[in-house]
Amino acid sequence: MESANVLLKPLLTEKTTILKDEAQQVAFLVHTRANKLEIKQAVEKAFDVKVEAVNVVRRAPSSRERQGRVVGRKPGWKKAYVTLRQGDKIEFFEGV
């Protein structure tokens, strides 16, 4: 898989902001077929940092229900928590 297609977007929530400050971890929404090695290579190439570990969380697709009837599907997603080497950091909002 191309490294440009692996990382879809960074996740910016309260939890990920705390992890970024305390544990040197950054969270990304990634392609559902990307593996840990591809995620590591994509982050290192895109942000010029060294990655120590990658943890992946998957959510399976589920049904949308309205009044007890299935009316559609919610897509599944995959996110990756990337642990950076000590001293490296990724800034999403530089100079804002």
C-alpha atoms as a PDB file:
ATOM      1  CA  MET A   1       0.000   0.000   0.000  1.00  0.00           C
ATOM      2  CA  GLU A   2       1.267   3.522  -0.799  1.00  0.00           C
ATOM      3  CA  SER A   3       2.399   5.475   2.252  1.00  0.00           C
ATOM      4  CA  ALA A   4       0.317   8.478   1.140  1.00  0.00           C
ATOM      5  CA  ASN A   5      -2.870   6.417   1.418  1.00  0.00           C
ATOM      6  CA  VAL A   6      -2.145   4.918   4.839  1.00  0.00           C
ATOM      7  CA  LEU A   7      -2.673   7.967   7.071  1.00  0.00           C
ATOM      8  CA  LEU A   8      -6.141   9.441   6.581  1.00  0.00           C
ATOM      9  CA  LYS A   9      -6.150  12.158   9.258  1.00  0.00           C
ATOM     10  CA  PRO A  10      -4.845  12.897  12.751  1.00  0.00           C
ATOM     11  CA  LEU A  11      -7.243  12.441  15.648  1.00  0.00           C
ATOM     12  CA  LEU A  12      -7.475  15.547  17.824  1.00  0.00           C
ATOM     13  CA  THR A  13      -9.505  14.842  20.944  1.00  0.00           C
ATOM     14  CA  GLU A  14      -8.995  15.489  24.644  1.00  0.00           C
ATOM     15  CA  LYS A  15      -7.620  12.005  25.154  1.00  0.00           C
ATOM     16  CA  THR A  16      -5.141  12.220  22.283  1.00  0.00           C
ATOM     17  CA  THR A  17      -3.995  15.694  23.369  1.00  0.00           C
ATOM     18  CA  ILE A  18      -3.222  14.379  26.858  1.00  0.00           C
ATOM     19  CA  LEU A  19      -1.399  11.352  25.394  1.00  0.00           C
ATOM     20  CA  LYS A  20       0.609  13.647  23.140  1.00  0.00           C
ATOM     21  CA  ASP A  21       1.775  15.736  26.102  1.00  0.00           C
ATOM     22  CA  GLU A  22       2.379  12.956  28.634  1.00  0.00           C
ATOM     23  CA  ALA A  23       3.260   9.766  26.761  1.00  0.00           C
ATOM     24  CA  GLN A  24       4.790  10.951  23.446  1.00  0.00           C
ATOM     25  CA  GLN A  25       1.909   9.309  21.537  1.00  0.00           C
ATOM     26  CA  VAL A  26       0.010  10.624  18.523  1.00  0.00           C
ATOM     27  CA  ALA A  27      -3.231   9.139  17.168  1.00  0.00           C
ATOM     28  CA  PHE A  28      -4.180   8.805  13.499  1.00  0.00           C
ATOM     29  CA  LEU A  29      -7.191   7.486  11.639  1.00  0.00           C
ATOM     30  CA  VAL A  30      -5.650   4.999   9.198  1.00  0.00           C
ATOM     31  CA  HIS A  31      -6.729   2.887   6.240  1.00  0.00           C
ATOM     32  CA  THR A  32      -8.521  -0.278   7.359  1.00  0.00           C
ATOM     33  CA  ARG A  33      -6.108  -2.557   5.467  1.00  0.00           C
ATOM     34  CA  ALA A  34      -2.895  -0.897   6.695  1.00  0.00           C
ATOM     35  CA  ASN A  35      -0.706  -2.939   9.032  1.00  0.00           C
ATOM     36  CA  LYS A  36       1.633  -1.728  11.793  1.00  0.00           C
ATOM     37  CA  LEU A  37       4.741  -1.742   9.618  1.00  0.00           C
ATOM     38  CA  GLU A  38       3.076   0.347   6.897  1.00  0.00           C
ATOM     39  CA  ILE A  39       1.774   2.815   9.504  1.00  0.00           C
ATOM     40  CA  LYS A  40       5.246   3.154  11.041  1.00  0.00           C
ATOM     41  CA  GLN A  41       6.873   3.795   7.665  1.00  0.00           C
ATOM     42  CA  ALA A  42       4.200   6.321   6.646  1.00  0.00           C
ATOM     43  CA  VAL A  43       4.564   8.353   9.864  1.00  0.00           C
ATOM     44  CA  GLU A  44       8.373   8.342   9.682  1.00  0.00           C
ATOM     45  CA  LYS A  45       8.283   9.448   6.046  1.00  0.00           C
ATOM     46  CA  ALA A  46       5.589  12.112   6.450  1.00  0.00           C
ATOM     47  CA  PHE A  47       6.804  13.784   9.655  1.00  0.00           C
ATOM     48  CA  ASP A  48      10.556  12.941   9.735  1.00  0.00           C
ATOM     49  CA  VAL A  49      10.444  11.357  13.212  1.00  0.00           C
ATOM     50  CA  LYS A  50      11.414   7.955  14.645  1.00  0.00           C
ATOM     51  CA  VAL A  51       8.600   5.648  15.745  1.00  0.00           C
ATOM     52  CA  GLU A  52       9.153   3.251  18.646  1.00  0.00           C
ATOM     53  CA  ALA A  53       5.792   1.448  18.685  1.00  0.00           C
ATOM     54  CA  VAL A  54       2.423   1.313  16.950  1.00  0.00           C
ATOM     55  CA  ASN A  55      -0.779   0.148  18.645  1.00  0.00           C
ATOM     56  CA  VAL A  56      -3.873  -0.412  16.509  1.00  0.00           C
ATOM     57  CA  VAL A  57      -7.549  -0.246  17.489  1.00  0.00           C
ATOM     58  CA  ARG A  58     -10.255  -1.554  15.141  1.00  0.00           C
ATOM     59  CA  ARG A  59     -13.993  -1.017  15.180  1.00  0.00           C
ATOM     60  CA  ALA A  60     -16.164  -3.340  13.137  1.00  0.00           C
ATOM     61  CA  PRO A  61     -18.996  -2.028  10.959  1.00  0.00           C
ATOM     62  CA  SER A  62     -22.377  -1.992  12.672  1.00  0.00           C
ATOM     63  CA  SER A  63     -26.027  -1.646  11.744  1.00  0.00           C
ATOM     64  CA  ARG A  64     -27.986   1.591  12.000  1.00  0.00           C
ATOM     65  CA  GLU A  65     -31.318   0.984  13.601  1.00  0.00           C
ATOM     66  CA  ARG A  66     -34.329   3.219  13.731  1.00  0.00           C
ATOM     67  CA  GLN A  67     -37.358   2.093  15.725  1.00  0.00           C
ATOM     68  CA  GLY A  68     -36.009  -1.442  15.833  1.00  0.00           C
ATOM     69  CA  ARG A  69     -35.507  -1.771  12.080  1.00  0.00           C
ATOM     70  CA  VAL A  70     -32.165  -1.893  10.312  1.00  0.00           C
ATOM     71  CA  VAL A  71     -31.948   1.068   7.920  1.00  0.00           C
ATOM     72  CA  GLY A  72     -28.268   1.054   6.962  1.00  0.00           C
ATOM     73  CA  ARG A  73     -24.690   0.404   8.007  1.00  0.00           C
ATOM     74  CA  LYS A  74     -22.146   2.444   9.951  1.00  0.00           C
ATOM     75  CA  PRO A  75     -18.687   1.991   8.474  1.00  0.00           C
ATOM     76  CA  GLY A  76     -15.915   0.479  10.541  1.00  0.00           C
ATOM     77  CA  TRP A  77     -12.674   2.339  11.196  1.00  0.00           C
ATOM     78  CA  LYS A  78      -9.136   1.763  12.356  1.00  0.00           C
ATOM     79  CA  LYS A  79      -6.972   4.074  14.407  1.00  0.00           C
ATOM     80  CA  ALA A  80      -3.346   3.872  15.366  1.00  0.00           C
ATOM     81  CA  TYR A  81      -1.594   5.159  18.475  1.00  0.00           C
ATOM     82  CA  VAL A  82       1.986   5.902  17.454  1.00  0.00           C
ATOM     83  CA  THR A  83       4.649   6.179  20.183  1.00  0.00           C
ATOM     84  CA  LEU A  84       7.490   8.501  19.214  1.00  0.00           C
ATOM     85  CA  ARG A  85      11.129   8.379  20.261  1.00  0.00           C
ATOM     86  CA  GLN A  86      12.077  10.580  23.222  1.00  0.00           C
ATOM     87  CA  GLY A  87      12.736  14.105  21.963  1.00  0.00           C
ATOM     88  CA  ASP A  88      10.692  13.772  18.747  1.00  0.00           C
ATOM     89  CA  LYS A  89       7.303  15.435  18.423  1.00  0.00           C
ATOM     90  CA  ILE A  90       4.695  16.192  15.811  1.00  0.00           C
ATOM     91  CA  GLU A  91       3.035  19.616  15.813  1.00  0.00           C
ATOM     92  CA  PHE A  92      -0.264  19.823  13.925  1.00  0.00           C
ATOM     93  CA  PHE A  93      -0.905  23.518  14.625  1.00  0.00           C
ATOM     94  CA  GLU A  94       2.437  25.289  14.282  1.00  0.00           C
ATOM     95  CA  GLY A  95       2.302  29.040  14.752  1.00  0.00           C
ATOM     96  CA  VAL A  96      -1.446  29.273  15.413  1.00  0.00           C
END
